[in-house]
Amino acid sequence: MSTPAIVAFADLDDTLFQTLRKLPGIDPHMLTPATVNTRGEAHSFCTPAQAELLRLLDCGGVTVIPVTGRDLAAMARVTLPFLSWRIVDHGLTMVAPGGEIDAAWAEQVRERLHDLQDALTAATAHLEAHAARLGCRLTRHHAHDLPFMTVLKHPEAQAEALEELQLRWEAFLTDQGLESLKIIANANNVSVLPRSLGKAEAVQHLRQHHFADAVLTLGLGDSLSDLAFMSACDFAITPPRGQLLRAVNAANLPQR
């Protein structure tokens, strides 16, 4: 199989599709189902613009590679036809086109995660009592049989509670000198995970080892946490109402 000329590394949720909650007022008949829930019911949808973007990429012979925080089970509920590599678990797991886990990458990840276990455990323990006080839930996520991320959620996505806990987490990492970890936040959750082991490193690995001859790479994402892997590509594409562009518009930086 020859190496594709163009590769698009694409975040999924809120970039290529989203839930109906984030599409107020739109006619459901105009939407394309993109995922199902655990009961097999349609859950997330592509807008006409998102569906057309995917069609154009397909017509142009572009290989689209998902780069997602979804785990293997959640990725299996995506109904869009991704036929090449898939990057899941925030970059910690790579799935080959045939469906097998990239064992060499998994071993690299496992070795690096071993060194982060004490830091991840300390960061999680620090927030447990504060999270319980504010009605939030902490969930540890695993990759290759090792914890790699703790996710904080509020059942009603209460912004004030999430912000308070995010600031406590960030202060703890700074005070303890835990530079190996980082905090990422989206609309309804805050997570702590490795700083230098994630989506960007996985994209760079695939570019180097499997798509070295690609003439053009595109990075698609909506969140600030996507910026690193998007920057590892030749061009970046982001939706106008995503977290990334909102942050840029609010920055009010001087033009130079």
C-alpha atoms as a PDB file:
ATOM      1  CA  MET A   1       0.000   0.000   0.000  1.00  0.00           C
ATOM      2  CA  SER A   2       1.434   3.366  -1.013  1.00  0.00           C
ATOM      3  CA  THR A   3       1.647   6.188   1.507  1.00  0.00           C
ATOM      4  CA  PRO A   4      -1.259   8.663   1.151  1.00  0.00           C
ATOM      5  CA  ALA A   5      -0.341  12.098  -0.175  1.00  0.00           C
ATOM      6  CA  ILE A   6      -2.526  13.956   2.336  1.00  0.00           C
ATOM      7  CA  VAL A   7      -3.363  13.006   5.930  1.00  0.00           C
ATOM      8  CA  ALA A   8      -5.850  14.741   8.245  1.00  0.00           C
ATOM      9  CA  PHE A   9      -5.443  14.153  11.982  1.00  0.00           C
ATOM     10  CA  ALA A  10      -8.844  14.995  13.452  1.00  0.00           C
ATOM     11  CA  ASP A  11     -10.267  15.372  16.915  1.00  0.00           C
ATOM     12  CA  LEU A  12     -13.819  13.998  16.990  1.00  0.00           C
ATOM     13  CA  ASP A  13     -16.212  15.351  19.640  1.00  0.00           C
ATOM     14  CA  ASP A  14     -17.160  18.987  18.969  1.00  0.00           C
ATOM     15  CA  THR A  15     -14.918  19.027  15.887  1.00  0.00           C
ATOM     16  CA  LEU A  16     -16.487  16.522  13.473  1.00  0.00           C
ATOM     17  CA  PHE A  17     -19.704  15.920  15.420  1.00  0.00           C
ATOM     18  CA  GLN A  18     -21.521  16.840  18.641  1.00  0.00           C
ATOM     19  CA  THR A  19     -24.622  15.987  20.678  1.00  0.00           C
ATOM     20  CA  LEU A  20     -28.013  17.579  20.041  1.00  0.00           C
ATOM     21  CA  ARG A  21     -27.584  19.634  23.231  1.00  0.00           C
ATOM     22  CA  LYS A  22     -24.953  21.669  21.414  1.00  0.00           C
ATOM     23  CA  LEU A  23     -27.149  22.168  18.336  1.00  0.00           C
ATOM     24  CA  PRO A  24     -30.110  24.195  19.641  1.00  0.00           C
ATOM     25  CA  GLY A  25     -32.691  25.152  17.042  1.00  0.00           C
ATOM     26  CA  ILE A  26     -31.335  23.001  14.216  1.00  0.00           C
ATOM     27  CA  ASP A  27     -33.652  20.735  12.217  1.00  0.00           C
ATOM     28  CA  PRO A  28     -32.735  17.148  13.230  1.00  0.00           C
ATOM     29  CA  HIS A  29     -33.559  15.962   9.710  1.00  0.00           C
ATOM     30  CA  MET A  30     -30.541  17.940   8.449  1.00  0.00           C
ATOM     31  CA  LEU A  31     -28.140  16.005  10.667  1.00  0.00           C
ATOM     32  CA  THR A  32     -26.070  12.893   9.963  1.00  0.00           C
ATOM     33  CA  PRO A  33     -25.763  10.370  12.828  1.00  0.00           C
ATOM     34  CA  ALA A  34     -22.127   9.897  13.832  1.00  0.00           C
ATOM     35  CA  THR A  35     -22.168   7.936  17.098  1.00  0.00           C
ATOM     36  CA  VAL A  36     -24.472   5.715  19.110  1.00  0.00           C
ATOM     37  CA  ASN A  37     -24.837   5.395  22.870  1.00  0.00           C
ATOM     38  CA  THR A  38     -24.463   2.173  24.840  1.00  0.00           C
ATOM     39  CA  ARG A  39     -28.057   1.242  23.903  1.00  0.00           C
ATOM     40  CA  GLY A  40     -27.334   1.599  20.187  1.00  0.00           C
ATOM     41  CA  GLU A  41     -29.308   4.837  19.815  1.00  0.00           C
ATOM     42  CA  ALA A  42     -28.024   7.770  17.756  1.00  0.00           C
ATOM     43  CA  HIS A  43     -26.199  10.109  20.136  1.00  0.00           C
ATOM     44  CA  SER A  44     -23.929  12.564  18.258  1.00  0.00           C
ATOM     45  CA  PHE A  45     -24.455  14.107  14.850  1.00  0.00           C
ATOM     46  CA  CYS A  46     -22.643  15.873  12.001  1.00  0.00           C
ATOM     47  CA  THR A  47     -24.064  19.176  10.817  1.00  0.00           C
ATOM     48  CA  PRO A  48     -24.379  19.631   7.037  1.00  0.00           C
ATOM     49  CA  ALA A  49     -21.082  21.557   7.093  1.00  0.00           C
ATOM     50  CA  GLN A  50     -19.271  18.829   9.018  1.00  0.00           C
ATOM     51  CA  ALA A  51     -20.695  16.123   6.744  1.00  0.00           C
ATOM     52  CA  GLU A  52     -19.596  18.110   3.692  1.00  0.00           C
ATOM     53  CA  LEU A  53     -16.091  18.534   5.111  1.00  0.00           C
ATOM     54  CA  LEU A  54     -15.806  14.781   5.551  1.00  0.00           C
ATOM     55  CA  ARG A  55     -17.143  14.225   2.035  1.00  0.00           C
ATOM     56  CA  LEU A  56     -14.593  16.638   0.557  1.00  0.00           C
ATOM     57  CA  LEU A  57     -11.745  14.963   2.414  1.00  0.00           C
ATOM     58  CA  ASP A  58     -12.903  11.579   1.157  1.00  0.00           C
ATOM     59  CA  CYS A  59     -13.295  12.782  -2.436  1.00  0.00           C
ATOM     60  CA  GLY A  60      -9.810  14.275  -2.274  1.00  0.00           C
ATOM     61  CA  GLY A  61      -8.292  10.983  -1.238  1.00  0.00           C
ATOM     62  CA  VAL A  62      -7.363  12.338   2.193  1.00  0.00           C
ATOM     63  CA  THR A  63      -6.694   9.767   4.897  1.00  0.00           C
ATOM     64  CA  VAL A  64      -8.556  10.880   8.040  1.00  0.00           C
ATOM     65  CA  ILE A  65      -7.105   9.652  11.329  1.00  0.00           C
ATOM     66  CA  PRO A  66      -9.128  10.231  14.510  1.00  0.00           C
ATOM     67  CA  VAL A  67      -7.161  11.743  17.395  1.00  0.00           C
ATOM     68  CA  THR A  68      -9.478  11.473  20.362  1.00  0.00           C
ATOM     69  CA  GLY A  69      -9.747  11.211  24.108  1.00  0.00           C
ATOM     70  CA  ARG A  70     -12.280   8.400  23.639  1.00  0.00           C
ATOM     71  CA  ASP A  71     -11.254   4.974  24.838  1.00  0.00           C
ATOM     72  CA  LEU A  72     -11.580   1.844  22.693  1.00  0.00           C
ATOM     73  CA  ALA A  73     -15.164   1.183  23.771  1.00  0.00           C
ATOM     74  CA  ALA A  74     -16.302   4.737  23.064  1.00  0.00           C
ATOM     75  CA  MET A  75     -14.422   4.756  19.748  1.00  0.00           C
ATOM     76  CA  ALA A  76     -16.286   1.578  18.753  1.00  0.00           C
ATOM     77  CA  ARG A  77     -19.542   3.554  19.051  1.00  0.00           C
ATOM     78  CA  VAL A  78     -18.425   6.026  16.381  1.00  0.00           C
ATOM     79  CA  THR A  79     -20.254   5.058  13.194  1.00  0.00           C
ATOM     80  CA  LEU A  80     -18.270   7.193  10.740  1.00  0.00           C
ATOM     81  CA  PRO A  81     -16.075   5.058   8.442  1.00  0.00           C
ATOM     82  CA  PHE A  82     -12.494   5.598   9.618  1.00  0.00           C
ATOM     83  CA  LEU A  83     -10.413   3.020   7.761  1.00  0.00           C
ATOM     84  CA  SER A  84      -6.826   3.915   8.628  1.00  0.00           C
ATOM     85  CA  TRP A  85      -5.065   4.365  11.955  1.00  0.00           C
ATOM     86  CA  ARG A  86      -6.952   5.569  15.037  1.00  0.00           C
ATOM     87  CA  ILE A  87      -5.400   7.414  17.975  1.00  0.00           C
ATOM     88  CA  VAL A  88      -7.446   6.987  21.177  1.00  0.00           C
ATOM     89  CA  ASP A  89      -7.003   7.429  24.948  1.00  0.00           C
ATOM     90  CA  HIS A  90      -5.652  10.972  24.419  1.00  0.00           C
ATOM     91  CA  GLY A  91      -2.827   9.535  22.319  1.00  0.00           C
ATOM     92  CA  LEU A  92      -1.805   6.690  24.611  1.00  0.00           C
ATOM     93  CA  THR A  93      -3.240   3.966  22.368  1.00  0.00           C
ATOM     94  CA  MET A  94      -2.835   3.581  18.614  1.00  0.00           C
ATOM     95  CA  VAL A  95      -4.968   1.175  16.605  1.00  0.00           C
ATOM     96  CA  ALA A  96      -3.690  -0.061  13.241  1.00  0.00           C
ATOM     97  CA  PRO A  97      -5.983  -0.236  10.188  1.00  0.00           C
ATOM     98  CA  GLY A  98      -6.549  -3.945  10.796  1.00  0.00           C
ATOM     99  CA  GLY A  99      -7.797  -3.301  14.319  1.00  0.00           C
ATOM    100  CA  GLU A 100      -4.765  -4.469  16.301  1.00  0.00           C
ATOM    101  CA  ILE A 101      -3.184  -2.335  19.031  1.00  0.00           C
ATOM    102  CA  ASP A 102       0.261  -0.980  18.151  1.00  0.00           C
ATOM    103  CA  ALA A 103       2.265  -3.073  20.635  1.00  0.00           C
ATOM    104  CA  ALA A 104       5.504  -1.108  20.287  1.00  0.00           C
ATOM    105  CA  TRP A 105       3.763   2.197  21.072  1.00  0.00           C
ATOM    106  CA  ALA A 106       1.883   0.576  23.944  1.00  0.00           C
ATOM    107  CA  GLU A 107       5.152  -0.601  25.478  1.00  0.00           C
ATOM    108  CA  GLN A 108       6.668   2.890  25.204  1.00  0.00           C
ATOM    109  CA  VAL A 109       3.598   4.353  26.871  1.00  0.00           C
ATOM    110  CA  ARG A 110       3.627   1.734  29.632  1.00  0.00           C
ATOM    111  CA  GLU A 111       7.253   2.453  30.480  1.00  0.00           C
ATOM    112  CA  ARG A 112       6.642   6.184  30.751  1.00  0.00           C
ATOM    113  CA  LEU A 113       3.410   5.777  32.715  1.00  0.00           C
ATOM    114  CA  HIS A 114       5.191   3.732  35.382  1.00  0.00           C
ATOM    115  CA  ASP A 115       7.230   6.822  36.293  1.00  0.00           C
ATOM    116  CA  LEU A 116       4.082   8.962  36.606  1.00  0.00           C
ATOM    117  CA  GLN A 117       2.021   6.763  38.922  1.00  0.00           C
ATOM    118  CA  ASP A 118       3.023   8.473  42.182  1.00  0.00           C
ATOM    119  CA  ALA A 119       2.310  11.918  40.756  1.00  0.00           C
ATOM    120  CA  LEU A 120      -1.075  10.879  39.344  1.00  0.00           C
ATOM    121  CA  THR A 121      -2.064   9.223  42.612  1.00  0.00           C
ATOM    122  CA  ALA A 122      -1.070  12.280  44.657  1.00  0.00           C
ATOM    123  CA  ALA A 123      -2.941  14.665  42.350  1.00  0.00           C
ATOM    124  CA  THR A 124      -6.088  12.533  42.529  1.00  0.00           C
ATOM    125  CA  ALA A 125      -5.945  12.121  46.309  1.00  0.00           C
ATOM    126  CA  HIS A 126      -5.490  15.860  46.808  1.00  0.00           C
ATOM    127  CA  LEU A 127      -8.831  16.641  45.165  1.00  0.00           C
ATOM    128  CA  GLU A 128     -11.008  13.834  46.551  1.00  0.00           C
ATOM    129  CA  ALA A 129     -12.398  15.628  49.614  1.00  0.00           C
ATOM    130  CA  HIS A 130     -12.868  18.930  47.760  1.00  0.00           C
ATOM    131  CA  ALA A 131     -14.658  17.182  44.895  1.00  0.00           C
ATOM    132  CA  ALA A 132     -17.019  15.365  47.260  1.00  0.00           C
ATOM    133  CA  ARG A 133     -17.838  18.632  49.039  1.00  0.00           C
ATOM    134  CA  LEU A 134     -18.954  20.210  45.760  1.00  0.00           C
ATOM    135  CA  GLY A 135     -20.853  17.182  44.498  1.00  0.00           C
ATOM    136  CA  CYS A 136     -18.321  16.269  41.839  1.00  0.00           C
ATOM    137  CA  ARG A 137     -17.104  12.855  40.750  1.00  0.00           C
ATOM    138  CA  LEU A 138     -13.510  11.767  40.146  1.00  0.00           C
ATOM    139  CA  THR A 139     -12.892   8.903  37.724  1.00  0.00           C
ATOM    140  CA  ARG A 140      -9.508   7.323  36.986  1.00  0.00           C
ATOM    141  CA  HIS A 141      -8.971   6.187  33.402  1.00  0.00           C
ATOM    142  CA  HIS A 142      -6.575   3.419  32.373  1.00  0.00           C
ATOM    143  CA  ALA A 143      -4.504   2.622  29.300  1.00  0.00           C
ATOM    144  CA  HIS A 144      -2.507  -0.595  28.953  1.00  0.00           C
ATOM    145  CA  ASP A 145      -3.533  -1.600  32.486  1.00  0.00           C
ATOM    146  CA  LEU A 146      -2.148   1.564  34.101  1.00  0.00           C
ATOM    147  CA  PRO A 147      -3.940   4.729  35.299  1.00  0.00           C
ATOM    148  CA  PHE A 148      -3.083   7.670  33.063  1.00  0.00           C
ATOM    149  CA  MET A 149      -5.775  10.285  33.710  1.00  0.00           C
ATOM    150  CA  THR A 150      -8.234  11.398  36.370  1.00  0.00           C
ATOM    151  CA  VAL A 151     -11.388  13.148  35.165  1.00  0.00           C
ATOM    152  CA  LEU A 152     -13.455  15.477  37.340  1.00  0.00           C
ATOM    153  CA  LYS A 153     -17.125  15.964  36.449  1.00  0.00           C
ATOM    154  CA  HIS A 154     -20.093  17.729  37.968  1.00  0.00           C
ATOM    155  CA  PRO A 155     -23.492  16.081  37.293  1.00  0.00           C
ATOM    156  CA  GLU A 156     -24.949  19.425  36.207  1.00  0.00           C
ATOM    157  CA  ALA A 157     -21.736  20.822  34.705  1.00  0.00           C
ATOM    158  CA  GLN A 158     -21.726  23.580  37.362  1.00  0.00           C
ATOM    159  CA  ALA A 159     -19.106  26.019  36.122  1.00  0.00           C
ATOM    160  CA  GLU A 160     -18.319  27.558  39.539  1.00  0.00           C
ATOM    161  CA  ALA A 161     -17.564  24.206  41.145  1.00  0.00           C
ATOM    162  CA  LEU A 162     -15.422  23.044  38.238  1.00  0.00           C
ATOM    163  CA  GLU A 163     -13.497  26.316  38.185  1.00  0.00           C
ATOM    164  CA  GLU A 164     -12.766  26.183  41.925  1.00  0.00           C
ATOM    165  CA  LEU A 165     -11.503  22.618  41.690  1.00  0.00           C
ATOM    166  CA  GLN A 166      -9.467  23.322  38.571  1.00  0.00           C
ATOM    167  CA  LEU A 167      -7.683  26.180  40.350  1.00  0.00           C
ATOM    168  CA  ARG A 168      -7.017  23.940  43.368  1.00  0.00           C
ATOM    169  CA  TRP A 169      -5.586  21.251  41.106  1.00  0.00           C
ATOM    170  CA  GLU A 170      -3.372  23.686  39.203  1.00  0.00           C
ATOM    171  CA  ALA A 171      -2.074  25.199  42.453  1.00  0.00           C
ATOM    172  CA  PHE A 172      -1.293  21.726  43.820  1.00  0.00           C
ATOM    173  CA  LEU A 173       0.735  20.773  40.739  1.00  0.00           C
ATOM    174  CA  THR A 174       2.685  24.028  41.006  1.00  0.00           C
ATOM    175  CA  ASP A 175       3.264  23.775  44.763  1.00  0.00           C
ATOM    176  CA  GLN A 176       4.419  20.149  44.512  1.00  0.00           C
ATOM    177  CA  GLY A 177       6.564  20.738  41.437  1.00  0.00           C
ATOM    178  CA  LEU A 178       4.646  18.131  39.439  1.00  0.00           C
ATOM    179  CA  GLU A 179       5.675  19.482  36.046  1.00  0.00           C
ATOM    180  CA  SER A 180       5.145  16.049  34.488  1.00  0.00           C
ATOM    181  CA  LEU A 181       1.355  16.555  34.709  1.00  0.00           C
ATOM    182  CA  LYS A 182      -1.028  19.062  33.173  1.00  0.00           C
ATOM    183  CA  ILE A 183      -4.652  20.120  33.585  1.00  0.00           C
ATOM    184  CA  ILE A 184      -7.084  20.337  30.675  1.00  0.00           C
ATOM    185  CA  ALA A 185     -10.638  21.629  30.908  1.00  0.00           C
ATOM    186  CA  ASN A 186     -13.691  21.514  28.668  1.00  0.00           C
ATOM    187  CA  ALA A 187     -17.315  22.499  29.124  1.00  0.00           C
ATOM    188  CA  ASN A 188     -18.261  19.827  31.665  1.00  0.00           C
ATOM    189  CA  ASN A 189     -15.043  18.245  32.910  1.00  0.00           C
ATOM    190  CA  VAL A 190     -11.521  18.894  34.154  1.00  0.00           C
ATOM    191  CA  SER A 191      -8.740  16.324  33.788  1.00  0.00           C
ATOM    192  CA  VAL A 192      -5.200  15.757  34.996  1.00  0.00           C
ATOM    193  CA  LEU A 193      -2.936  13.747  32.687  1.00  0.00           C
ATOM    194  CA  PRO A 194       0.693  13.494  31.493  1.00  0.00           C
ATOM    195  CA  ARG A 195       2.188  16.657  30.039  1.00  0.00           C
ATOM    196  CA  SER A 196       4.515  15.151  27.444  1.00  0.00           C
ATOM    197  CA  LEU A 197       2.723  11.939  26.559  1.00  0.00           C
ATOM    198  CA  GLY A 198      -0.419  12.404  24.520  1.00  0.00           C
ATOM    199  CA  LYS A 199      -2.000  13.321  21.222  1.00  0.00           C
ATOM    200  CA  ALA A 200       0.914  15.357  19.864  1.00  0.00           C
ATOM    201  CA  GLU A 201       3.466  12.612  20.525  1.00  0.00           C
ATOM    202  CA  ALA A 202       1.199  10.018  18.886  1.00  0.00           C
ATOM    203  CA  VAL A 203       0.697  12.185  15.797  1.00  0.00           C
ATOM    204  CA  GLN A 204       4.428  12.796  15.527  1.00  0.00           C
ATOM    205  CA  HIS A 205       5.060   9.049  15.841  1.00  0.00           C
ATOM    206  CA  LEU A 206       2.610   8.210  13.053  1.00  0.00           C
ATOM    207  CA  ARG A 207       3.998  10.936  10.820  1.00  0.00           C
ATOM    208  CA  GLN A 208       7.538   9.694  11.297  1.00  0.00           C
ATOM    209  CA  HIS A 209       6.945   5.937  11.055  1.00  0.00           C
ATOM    210  CA  HIS A 210       3.914   5.504   8.791  1.00  0.00           C
ATOM    211  CA  PHE A 211       3.275   8.725   6.869  1.00  0.00           C
ATOM    212  CA  ALA A 212       6.749  10.129   6.339  1.00  0.00           C
ATOM    213  CA  ASP A 213       6.082  10.672   2.630  1.00  0.00           C
ATOM    214  CA  ALA A 214       2.827  12.598   3.096  1.00  0.00           C
ATOM    215  CA  VAL A 215       3.049  15.857   1.186  1.00  0.00           C
ATOM    216  CA  LEU A 216       0.480  17.600   3.405  1.00  0.00           C
ATOM    217  CA  THR A 217      -0.875  17.048   6.912  1.00  0.00           C
ATOM    218  CA  LEU A 218      -3.900  18.779   8.418  1.00  0.00           C
ATOM    219  CA  GLY A 219      -4.733  19.084  12.113  1.00  0.00           C
ATOM    220  CA  LEU A 220      -8.413  19.478  13.058  1.00  0.00           C
ATOM    221  CA  GLY A 221      -9.470  20.285  16.609  1.00  0.00           C
ATOM    222  CA  ASP A 222     -11.669  22.534  18.741  1.00  0.00           C
ATOM    223  CA  SER A 223      -9.988  22.585  22.170  1.00  0.00           C
ATOM    224  CA  LEU A 224      -6.906  24.173  23.659  1.00  0.00           C
ATOM    225  CA  SER A 225      -5.751  20.644  24.466  1.00  0.00           C
ATOM    226  CA  ASP A 226      -5.783  19.895  20.708  1.00  0.00           C
ATOM    227  CA  LEU A 227      -3.386  22.718  19.909  1.00  0.00           C
ATOM    228  CA  ALA A 228      -0.208  20.677  20.439  1.00  0.00           C
ATOM    229  CA  PHE A 229      -1.100  17.963  17.934  1.00  0.00           C
ATOM    230  CA  MET A 230      -2.535  20.514  15.485  1.00  0.00           C
ATOM    231  CA  SER A 231       0.797  22.356  15.667  1.00  0.00           C
ATOM    232  CA  ALA A 232       2.544  19.124  14.676  1.00  0.00           C
ATOM    233  CA  CYS A 233       0.762  19.315  11.293  1.00  0.00           C
ATOM    234  CA  ASP A 234       1.307  21.561   8.276  1.00  0.00           C
ATOM    235  CA  PHE A 235      -2.021  23.387   8.622  1.00  0.00           C
ATOM    236  CA  ALA A 236      -4.600  23.682  11.424  1.00  0.00           C
ATOM    237  CA  ILE A 237      -8.385  23.805  11.042  1.00  0.00           C
ATOM    238  CA  THR A 238     -10.753  24.689  13.887  1.00  0.00           C
ATOM    239  CA  PRO A 239     -14.525  25.335  14.156  1.00  0.00           C
ATOM    240  CA  PRO A 240     -15.562  28.932  14.899  1.00  0.00           C
ATOM    241  CA  ARG A 241     -17.433  28.217  18.145  1.00  0.00           C
ATOM    242  CA  GLY A 242     -14.864  25.886  19.677  1.00  0.00           C
ATOM    243  CA  GLN A 243     -12.836  26.554  22.809  1.00  0.00           C
ATOM    244  CA  LEU A 244      -9.668  27.178  20.814  1.00  0.00           C
ATOM    245  CA  LEU A 245     -10.992  29.997  18.660  1.00  0.00           C
ATOM    246  CA  ARG A 246     -12.933  31.497  21.567  1.00  0.00           C
ATOM    247  CA  ALA A 247      -9.675  31.742  23.486  1.00  0.00           C
ATOM    248  CA  VAL A 248      -7.911  33.386  20.556  1.00  0.00           C
ATOM    249  CA  ASN A 249     -10.709  35.907  20.074  1.00  0.00           C
ATOM    250  CA  ALA A 250     -10.674  36.768  23.783  1.00  0.00           C
ATOM    251  CA  ALA A 251      -6.886  37.162  23.985  1.00  0.00           C
ATOM    252  CA  ASN A 252      -6.866  40.699  22.524  1.00  0.00           C
ATOM    253  CA  LEU A 253      -3.203  40.347  21.599  1.00  0.00           C
ATOM    254  CA  PRO A 254      -1.399  43.228  19.837  1.00  0.00           C
ATOM    255  CA  GLN A 255      -0.879  42.740  16.133  1.00  0.00           C
ATOM    256  CA  ARG A 256       2.724  42.567  14.995  1.00  0.00           C
END
